[in-house]
Amino acid sequence: MDAKGYALEVARSAREASVCIARARTTEKNAVLLAMAQNLLDAASELKDENRRDLEAGEKAGLSSAMLDRLELTDSRIGAMAQALRTVAELRDPVGRVIDGWTLPNGLKVQKVRVPLGVVCIIYESRPNVTADAAALCVKSGNAVILRGGTEAINSNLAIHRQLARACEQVGIDKRVVQLIETTDRAVVRELLRADRYVDVVIPRGGKDLIRTVAEMATVPVIKHYEGICHVYVDAGCDLDMAVRICENAKCQRPGTCNAMETLLIHEAVAEEFLAKMAPIFDQRGVELRGCERTLEILPDIKSATEEDWRTEYLDLILSVRIVRDVDEAIDHINTYGSAHSDAIVTESQSNAQRFLDRVDSAAVYVNASTRFTDGGEFGLGAEIGISTGKLHARGPMALEELTTYKWTIVGSGQLRT
């Protein structure tokens, strides 16, 4: 079967299966998720074997250490995938929830009710855990899902999908509710992006090139998850030891993630003292610093930052550093160069904190906390599809509610419009 035929067959079968999952009871959906979790744990050895094939291929292809970290499946990460599935099972089912409602003077009862989107196509890179997370959220929100992971994770994703599909069969749910594109042929993706007769929305999760390509090619509506150019601003008069801990965590805990800090902004009044504390720690952690002219006066041995650096999502142990006059200059920098993902201020000033919260135009804005918390699980939402940096129809972590839309139900007793 050619690429178009394969893509349309997957899309058509997903549309058919979406009717089944949209009607499923909460208990049935939860049973599927719990079976998925157990299957992943039981198949841990198989998952790691298949993942090892991807890691070896990735090393030969020259993937960075950060990208290999995103790709790797360990026992703890498999356990985390299973726990994420169980967590989603415990969450309140959004389908059928009444958002609002009222009775009109003519007696018509009007309600706004949550319903599934239908068929969701998710295109993602590197991290195989997205396969399980996406399946969990789509099943619980009553959607059929078409998964297309990156070429670098094909063996890992196929192994994970086998366990997810088996769980659907075990519970008696149409296994076509969760489908994985089993070929790395990009022509299939192109056809899926145009299958608007069957697919309701596409969610790309990965680098900006992937997202831009999807947005330009698709006739299906796209929810964009653009790059994470995240900032931490260290304000004058803040607790510098707290700032050191936050910055180390934001940059170094997992530098290959979209919520890792890529640019550090520092108030000029504390720049020298703060960098004296912070720079040695970054050096120990292997972080390459690229600084503005004023930063180079304090740290003359680091690289000079270019205009392009302020706009770069490194996804690696590289960090741009800029010294600013005040909170307003920090906000201006973020709104000019940021990607509207996650940005933080470390401060003791309530007025500066509120100014930052009010004026930074990002999906997640923090005071005295690491940007690494921008995650559906960390927000108490369960797993997530991704972080939407747009404003339609969802923003921030895309969890259960963000995978639903709504419809109006109107109940009358014979009313006629005059």
Protein backbone atom coordinates (compact mmCIF):
# COMPACT_ATOMS: atom_id res chain seq x y z
CA MET A 1 0.00 0.00 0.00
CA ASP A 2 1.34 3.44 -0.91
CA ALA A 3 1.76 6.30 1.59
CA LYS A 4 -1.57 7.91 0.78
CA GLY A 5 -3.48 4.67 1.01
CA TYR A 6 -1.84 3.73 4.30
CA ALA A 7 -2.45 7.16 5.84
CA LEU A 8 -6.10 7.24 4.80
CA GLU A 9 -6.69 3.72 6.07
CA VAL A 10 -5.26 4.66 9.48
CA ALA A 11 -7.29 7.88 9.55
CA ARG A 12 -10.53 6.16 8.50
CA SER A 13 -10.15 3.42 11.10
CA ALA A 14 -9.36 6.01 13.77
CA ARG A 15 -12.57 7.85 12.88
CA GLU A 16 -14.55 4.62 13.24
CA ALA A 17 -12.88 3.81 16.56
CA SER A 18 -13.48 7.34 17.87
CA VAL A 19 -17.21 6.57 18.06
CA CYS A 20 -16.47 3.62 20.36
CA ILE A 21 -14.21 5.53 22.76
CA ALA A 22 -16.45 8.61 22.82
CA ARG A 23 -19.27 6.43 24.15
CA ALA A 24 -17.13 4.44 26.60
CA ARG A 25 -17.93 4.69 30.28
CA THR A 26 -15.35 6.19 32.63
CA THR A 27 -14.86 2.78 34.28
CA GLU A 28 -14.02 1.23 30.89
CA LYS A 29 -11.53 3.95 30.01
CA ASN A 30 -9.88 3.65 33.41
CA ALA A 31 -9.64 -0.12 33.03
CA VAL A 32 -7.80 0.34 29.73
CA LEU A 33 -5.34 2.77 31.32
CA LEU A 34 -4.61 0.45 34.24
CA ALA A 35 -4.08 -2.47 31.87
CA MET A 36 -1.71 -0.33 29.81
CA ALA A 37 0.29 0.53 32.92
CA GLN A 38 0.63 -3.10 33.98
CA ASN A 39 1.55 -4.24 30.48
CA LEU A 40 4.38 -1.70 30.30
CA LEU A 41 5.80 -2.90 33.62
CA ASP A 42 5.50 -6.54 32.61
CA ALA A 43 7.25 -5.84 29.30
CA ALA A 44 10.04 -3.68 30.78
CA SER A 45 12.80 -6.00 29.59
CA GLU A 46 11.45 -5.99 26.03
CA LEU A 47 11.06 -2.21 26.06
CA LYS A 48 14.67 -1.71 27.17
CA ASP A 49 15.95 -4.13 24.53
CA GLU A 50 14.14 -2.27 21.76
CA ASN A 51 15.20 1.07 23.22
CA ARG A 52 18.83 -0.09 23.21
CA ARG A 53 18.57 -0.55 19.44
CA ASP A 54 17.44 3.07 19.12
CA LEU A 55 20.20 4.34 21.42
CA GLU A 56 22.88 2.50 19.44
CA ALA A 57 21.54 3.90 16.19
CA GLY A 58 21.36 7.37 17.75
CA GLU A 59 24.99 7.23 18.86
CA LYS A 60 26.07 6.21 15.37
CA ALA A 61 24.00 9.06 13.93
CA GLY A 62 25.78 11.54 16.21
CA LEU A 63 22.86 12.53 18.46
CA SER A 64 23.90 14.83 21.32
CA SER A 65 24.08 13.54 24.89
CA ALA A 66 20.99 15.58 25.73
CA MET A 67 19.03 14.02 22.86
CA LEU A 68 20.18 10.54 23.84
CA ASP A 69 19.01 11.28 27.37
CA ARG A 70 15.56 12.19 26.03
CA LEU A 71 15.52 8.92 24.10
CA GLU A 72 16.65 6.53 26.83
CA LEU A 73 14.22 4.23 28.65
CA THR A 74 15.34 3.08 32.09
CA ASP A 75 13.48 1.07 34.71
CA SER A 76 12.61 4.29 36.53
CA ARG A 77 11.31 5.94 33.35
CA ILE A 78 9.22 2.89 32.47
CA GLY A 79 7.89 2.98 36.00
CA ALA A 80 7.12 6.68 35.58
CA MET A 81 5.22 5.95 32.35
CA ALA A 82 3.13 3.36 34.15
CA GLN A 83 2.50 5.71 37.06
CA ALA A 84 1.44 8.47 34.66
CA LEU A 85 -1.14 6.13 33.17
CA ARG A 86 -2.46 5.30 36.64
CA THR A 87 -2.53 8.97 37.58
CA VAL A 88 -4.65 9.79 34.52
CA ALA A 89 -7.00 6.96 35.45
CA GLU A 90 -7.54 8.63 38.82
CA LEU A 91 -8.36 12.02 37.32
CA ARG A 92 -11.89 13.26 36.85
CA ASP A 93 -13.33 12.42 33.44
CA PRO A 94 -13.95 15.68 31.55
CA VAL A 95 -16.40 14.16 29.04
CA GLY A 96 -20.01 15.08 29.76
CA ARG A 97 -19.10 17.72 32.32
CA VAL A 98 -21.46 20.71 32.26
CA ILE A 99 -19.36 23.87 31.88
CA ASP A 100 -22.27 26.25 32.23
CA GLY A 101 -26.00 26.30 31.96
CA TRP A 102 -29.13 28.40 32.44
CA THR A 103 -32.84 28.51 31.74
CA LEU A 104 -34.12 31.19 29.37
CA PRO A 105 -37.30 33.20 30.03
CA ASN A 106 -39.09 31.06 27.43
CA GLY A 107 -38.28 27.91 29.41
CA LEU A 108 -35.48 26.55 27.18
CA LYS A 109 -32.76 24.84 29.24
CA VAL A 110 -29.37 25.63 27.72
CA GLN A 111 -26.17 23.82 28.71
CA LYS A 112 -22.55 23.92 27.52
CA VAL A 113 -21.15 20.37 27.78
CA ARG A 114 -17.63 18.97 27.29
CA VAL A 115 -17.21 16.44 24.47
CA PRO A 116 -14.16 14.76 22.87
CA LEU A 117 -12.35 16.40 19.97
CA GLY A 118 -12.67 13.17 17.95
CA VAL A 119 -9.50 12.02 16.19
CA VAL A 120 -6.22 13.52 17.38
CA CYS A 121 -2.97 13.09 15.44
CA ILE A 122 0.17 13.65 17.49
CA ILE A 123 3.57 14.03 15.80
CA TYR A 124 6.51 14.04 18.18
CA GLU A 125 10.25 13.50 18.48
CA SER A 126 12.71 11.65 20.69
CA ARG A 127 11.00 10.86 23.99
CA PRO A 128 9.24 7.48 23.81
CA ASN A 129 7.27 8.19 27.00
CA VAL A 130 5.14 10.57 24.89
CA THR A 131 3.66 7.47 23.24
CA ALA A 132 2.15 6.31 26.52
CA ASP A 133 1.31 9.80 27.82
CA ALA A 134 -0.53 10.76 24.65
CA ALA A 135 -2.45 7.51 24.53
CA ALA A 136 -3.50 7.89 28.17
CA LEU A 137 -4.82 11.40 27.78
CA CYS A 138 -6.62 10.70 24.52
CA VAL A 139 -8.30 7.56 25.84
CA LYS A 140 -9.43 9.24 29.05
CA SER A 141 -10.77 12.27 27.16
CA GLY A 142 -12.67 10.00 24.76
CA ASN A 143 -10.54 10.56 21.65
CA ALA A 144 -8.99 8.20 19.15
CA VAL A 145 -5.32 8.98 18.61
CA ILE A 146 -2.86 8.51 15.75
CA LEU A 147 0.73 8.57 17.02
CA ARG A 148 3.74 9.33 14.87
CA GLY A 149 7.01 9.35 16.80
CA GLY A 150 10.46 10.28 15.60
CA THR A 151 12.57 7.98 13.47
CA GLU A 152 15.18 7.87 16.23
CA ALA A 153 12.68 6.17 18.61
CA ILE A 154 10.87 3.86 16.16
CA ASN A 155 11.74 0.57 17.89
CA SER A 156 10.93 1.91 21.36
CA ASN A 157 7.62 3.34 20.19
CA LEU A 158 6.58 0.14 18.42
CA ALA A 159 7.29 -1.86 21.57
CA ILE A 160 5.32 0.54 23.77
CA HIS A 161 2.42 0.63 21.31
CA ARG A 162 2.15 -3.16 21.28
CA GLN A 163 1.44 -3.09 25.00
CA LEU A 164 -1.06 -0.24 24.70
CA ALA A 165 -3.00 -1.96 21.91
CA ARG A 166 -2.99 -5.24 23.83
CA ALA A 167 -4.53 -3.46 26.82
CA CYS A 168 -7.40 -2.21 24.66
CA GLU A 169 -8.09 -5.78 23.51
CA GLN A 170 -7.91 -7.08 27.07
CA VAL A 171 -10.65 -4.67 28.17
CA GLY A 172 -12.78 -5.02 25.04
CA ILE A 173 -12.12 -1.58 23.55
CA ASP A 174 -11.41 -1.26 19.82
CA LYS A 175 -7.60 -1.32 19.61
CA ARG A 176 -7.74 1.14 16.71
CA VAL A 177 -8.45 3.80 19.34
CA VAL A 178 -4.64 3.98 19.75
CA GLN A 179 -2.70 3.64 16.49
CA LEU A 180 0.98 4.16 15.77
CA ILE A 181 2.37 4.95 12.33
CA GLU A 182 4.71 2.01 11.85
CA THR A 183 6.76 3.47 9.02
CA THR A 184 9.32 6.26 9.03
CA ASP A 185 8.20 7.36 5.54
CA ARG A 186 7.53 11.09 5.79
CA ALA A 187 5.08 10.90 2.91
CA VAL A 188 2.63 9.25 5.30
CA VAL A 189 2.80 12.27 7.59
CA ARG A 190 2.11 14.60 4.67
CA GLU A 191 -1.02 12.65 3.83
CA LEU A 192 -2.24 12.58 7.44
CA LEU A 193 -1.87 16.35 7.67
CA ARG A 194 -4.33 16.67 4.79
CA ALA A 195 -6.81 14.05 6.00
CA ASP A 196 -9.22 16.65 7.37
CA ARG A 197 -12.19 14.45 6.50
CA TYR A 198 -11.14 12.08 9.28
CA VAL A 199 -8.64 13.88 11.57
CA ASP A 200 -9.92 16.70 13.79
CA VAL A 201 -6.67 18.19 15.08
CA VAL A 202 -2.90 17.73 14.75
CA ILE A 203 -0.57 18.39 17.68
CA PRO A 204 3.14 18.53 16.76
CA ARG A 205 5.57 18.15 19.64
CA GLY A 206 9.24 18.77 18.93
CA GLY A 207 11.65 21.31 17.48
CA LYS A 208 10.56 24.48 15.72
CA ASP A 209 11.42 23.07 12.29
CA LEU A 210 9.03 20.17 12.80
CA ILE A 211 6.26 22.43 14.07
CA ARG A 212 6.69 24.98 11.31
CA THR A 213 6.63 22.23 8.68
CA VAL A 214 3.46 20.72 10.13
CA ALA A 215 1.74 24.11 10.37
CA GLU A 216 2.61 24.97 6.76
CA MET A 217 1.57 21.63 5.29
CA ALA A 218 -1.57 20.84 7.26
CA THR A 219 -5.16 21.41 6.19
CA VAL A 220 -6.15 19.84 9.52
CA PRO A 221 -6.24 22.40 12.39
CA VAL A 222 -2.90 22.52 14.29
CA ILE A 223 -2.25 23.24 17.97
CA LYS A 224 1.34 24.45 18.05
CA HIS A 225 3.94 23.55 20.63
CA TYR A 226 6.77 25.88 19.65
CA GLU A 227 10.26 25.90 21.12
CA GLY A 228 10.99 26.57 24.77
CA ILE A 229 13.26 29.60 25.01
CA CYS A 230 12.81 29.90 28.78
CA HIS A 231 14.28 32.61 31.01
CA VAL A 232 15.11 33.10 34.67
CA TYR A 233 15.53 36.70 35.84
CA VAL A 234 17.53 37.25 39.05
CA ASP A 235 16.29 40.49 40.59
CA ALA A 236 18.12 42.95 42.83
CA GLY A 237 17.80 42.21 46.52
CA CYS A 238 16.71 38.61 46.03
CA ASP A 239 17.92 35.62 48.02
CA LEU A 240 21.01 34.81 45.93
CA ASP A 241 21.39 31.32 47.35
CA MET A 242 17.80 30.58 46.32
CA ALA A 243 18.55 32.04 42.90
CA VAL A 244 21.59 29.76 42.53
CA ARG A 245 19.52 26.67 43.36
CA ILE A 246 16.72 27.66 40.99
CA CYS A 247 19.09 28.44 38.11
CA GLU A 248 21.06 25.23 38.55
CA ASN A 249 17.84 23.22 38.52
CA ALA A 250 16.31 25.13 35.60
CA LYS A 251 19.39 24.61 33.42
CA CYS A 252 21.04 21.40 34.56
CA GLN A 253 18.42 18.97 35.83
CA ARG A 254 17.41 17.94 32.29
CA PRO A 255 18.79 20.41 29.75
CA GLY A 256 17.23 18.59 26.81
CA THR A 257 13.65 19.44 27.80
CA CYS A 258 11.55 22.33 26.50
CA ASN A 259 11.11 23.87 29.97
CA ALA A 260 14.84 24.14 30.72
CA MET A 261 16.31 27.64 31.08
CA GLU A 262 18.06 28.88 27.94
CA THR A 263 18.75 32.51 28.95
CA LEU A 264 19.72 33.89 32.36
CA LEU A 265 18.95 37.56 33.04
CA ILE A 266 20.58 39.30 36.01
CA HIS A 267 19.98 42.72 37.57
CA GLU A 268 23.12 44.83 37.32
CA ALA A 269 23.14 45.53 41.07
CA VAL A 270 23.72 41.84 41.93
CA ALA A 271 25.42 40.58 38.77
CA GLU A 272 28.96 40.40 40.07
CA GLU A 273 28.05 38.81 43.40
CA PHE A 274 25.61 36.36 41.83
CA LEU A 275 27.96 35.25 39.04
CA ALA A 276 30.72 34.69 41.59
CA LYS A 277 28.43 32.09 43.18
CA MET A 278 26.78 30.75 40.03
CA ALA A 279 29.58 30.52 37.46
CA PRO A 280 31.68 27.90 39.32
CA ILE A 281 28.61 25.66 39.67
CA PHE A 282 27.82 25.94 35.98
CA ASP A 283 31.47 25.17 35.24
CA GLN A 284 31.29 22.03 37.41
CA ARG A 285 28.11 20.94 35.62
CA GLY A 286 29.72 21.43 32.21
CA VAL A 287 27.56 24.38 31.14
CA GLU A 288 28.98 26.58 28.36
CA LEU A 289 28.18 30.25 29.02
CA ARG A 290 27.68 32.89 26.32
CA GLY A 291 27.45 36.40 27.71
CA CYS A 292 26.64 39.97 26.81
CA GLU A 293 29.39 42.62 26.94
CA ARG A 294 28.73 43.41 30.59
CA THR A 295 28.80 39.72 31.49
CA LEU A 296 32.16 39.38 29.71
CA GLU A 297 33.58 42.11 31.93
CA ILE A 298 32.87 39.85 34.93
CA LEU A 299 33.59 36.52 33.21
CA PRO A 300 36.18 37.34 30.52
CA ASP A 301 36.85 33.69 29.64
CA ILE A 302 33.37 32.85 28.39
CA LYS A 303 32.09 33.19 24.82
CA SER A 304 30.39 36.33 23.56
CA ALA A 305 26.65 35.97 22.97
CA THR A 306 25.35 36.84 19.52
CA GLU A 307 21.92 38.16 18.58
CA GLU A 308 21.05 34.64 17.47
CA ASP A 309 21.88 33.22 20.92
CA TRP A 310 19.02 35.16 22.52
CA ARG A 311 16.64 33.41 20.10
CA THR A 312 18.07 29.89 20.44
CA GLU A 313 16.64 26.86 22.20
CA TYR A 314 19.85 24.93 22.89
CA LEU A 315 18.38 21.80 24.48
CA ASP A 316 21.92 21.27 25.75
CA LEU A 317 24.34 22.47 28.42
CA ILE A 318 24.67 25.92 26.84
CA LEU A 319 23.33 29.10 28.43
CA SER A 320 23.06 32.72 27.32
CA VAL A 321 23.61 35.35 30.03
CA ARG A 322 22.59 38.99 29.96
CA ILE A 323 22.85 41.74 32.58
CA VAL A 324 19.90 44.15 32.64
CA ARG A 325 19.11 47.47 34.33
CA ASP A 326 15.85 46.47 36.00
CA VAL A 327 12.77 44.26 35.89
CA ASP A 328 11.30 46.21 32.97
CA GLU A 329 14.33 45.55 30.78
CA ALA A 330 14.14 41.87 31.74
CA ILE A 331 10.46 41.76 30.77
CA ASP A 332 11.18 43.52 27.47
CA HIS A 333 13.93 41.00 26.69
CA ILE A 334 11.66 38.05 27.44
CA ASN A 335 8.76 39.37 25.38
CA THR A 336 11.14 40.17 22.50
CA TYR A 337 13.22 36.99 22.38
CA GLY A 338 11.18 34.39 24.27
CA SER A 339 8.89 31.75 22.85
CA ALA A 340 5.96 32.33 25.25
CA HIS A 341 6.71 29.06 27.05
CA SER A 342 7.96 29.42 30.65
CA ASP A 343 9.74 32.30 32.39
CA ALA A 344 10.66 32.97 36.00
CA ILE A 345 11.69 35.79 38.33
CA VAL A 346 13.63 35.32 41.56
CA THR A 347 12.80 38.27 43.79
CA GLU A 348 11.87 39.48 47.27
CA SER A 349 9.91 42.40 45.85
CA GLN A 350 6.15 41.81 45.73
CA SER A 351 5.67 44.69 43.31
CA ASN A 352 8.33 43.36 40.92
CA ALA A 353 6.88 39.86 41.20
CA GLN A 354 3.39 41.11 40.31
CA ARG A 355 4.77 43.27 37.49
CA PHE A 356 6.52 40.21 36.07
CA LEU A 357 3.39 38.05 36.37
CA ASP A 358 1.23 40.71 34.72
CA ARG A 359 3.53 41.68 31.85
CA VAL A 360 5.40 38.57 30.74
CA ASP A 361 3.31 37.14 27.90
CA SER A 362 4.06 33.45 28.33
CA ALA A 363 2.02 30.31 28.93
CA ALA A 364 3.60 29.78 32.38
CA VAL A 365 5.10 32.55 34.52
CA TYR A 366 6.87 31.80 37.81
CA VAL A 367 7.93 33.63 40.95
CA ASN A 368 10.75 32.05 42.96
CA ALA A 369 10.53 28.62 41.31
CA SER A 370 12.22 26.70 38.52
CA THR A 371 10.79 26.71 35.00
CA ARG A 372 11.18 22.92 35.05
CA PHE A 373 7.77 22.66 36.71
CA THR A 374 5.92 23.40 33.46
CA ASP A 375 4.59 19.91 33.03
CA GLY A 376 1.13 18.40 33.21
CA GLY A 377 2.12 15.98 35.95
CA GLU A 378 3.82 18.66 38.04
CA PHE A 379 0.74 20.90 37.70
CA GLY A 380 -1.48 18.10 39.00
CA LEU A 381 -3.04 17.50 35.58
CA GLY A 382 -1.65 14.01 35.06
CA ALA A 383 0.36 13.43 31.90
CA GLU A 384 0.36 15.94 29.06
CA ILE A 385 0.39 15.99 25.28
CA GLY A 386 2.73 18.97 25.23
CA ILE A 387 3.01 22.63 26.13
CA SER A 388 0.96 24.86 23.86
CA THR A 389 2.64 28.23 23.35
CA GLY A 390 -0.23 29.55 21.25
CA LYS A 391 -3.47 31.07 22.49
CA LEU A 392 -6.04 29.00 20.54
CA HIS A 393 -7.59 26.77 21.74
CA ALA A 394 -5.31 25.77 24.62
CA ARG A 395 -2.31 27.32 26.40
CA GLY A 396 0.33 25.72 28.61
CA PRO A 397 0.25 22.00 29.51
CA MET A 398 -2.27 20.19 27.32
CA ALA A 399 -4.02 17.70 29.54
CA LEU A 400 -7.52 16.22 29.66
CA GLU A 401 -9.66 19.32 29.40
CA GLU A 402 -7.51 20.71 26.59
CA LEU A 403 -8.29 17.57 24.58
CA THR A 404 -12.00 18.28 24.67
CA THR A 405 -14.25 20.81 23.03
CA TYR A 406 -17.88 21.50 23.88
CA LYS A 407 -21.31 21.43 22.41
CA TRP A 408 -24.55 23.17 23.32
CA THR A 409 -27.53 21.11 24.46
CA ILE A 410 -30.94 22.79 24.47
CA VAL A 411 -33.97 21.11 26.01
CA GLY A 412 -37.42 22.53 25.47
CA SER A 413 -41.05 21.68 25.77
CA GLY A 414 -42.35 22.73 22.38
CA GLN A 415 -41.01 26.31 22.21
CA LEU A 416 -41.09 28.04 18.82
CA ARG A 417 -39.16 31.12 17.75
CA THR A 418 -41.36 34.06 16.82
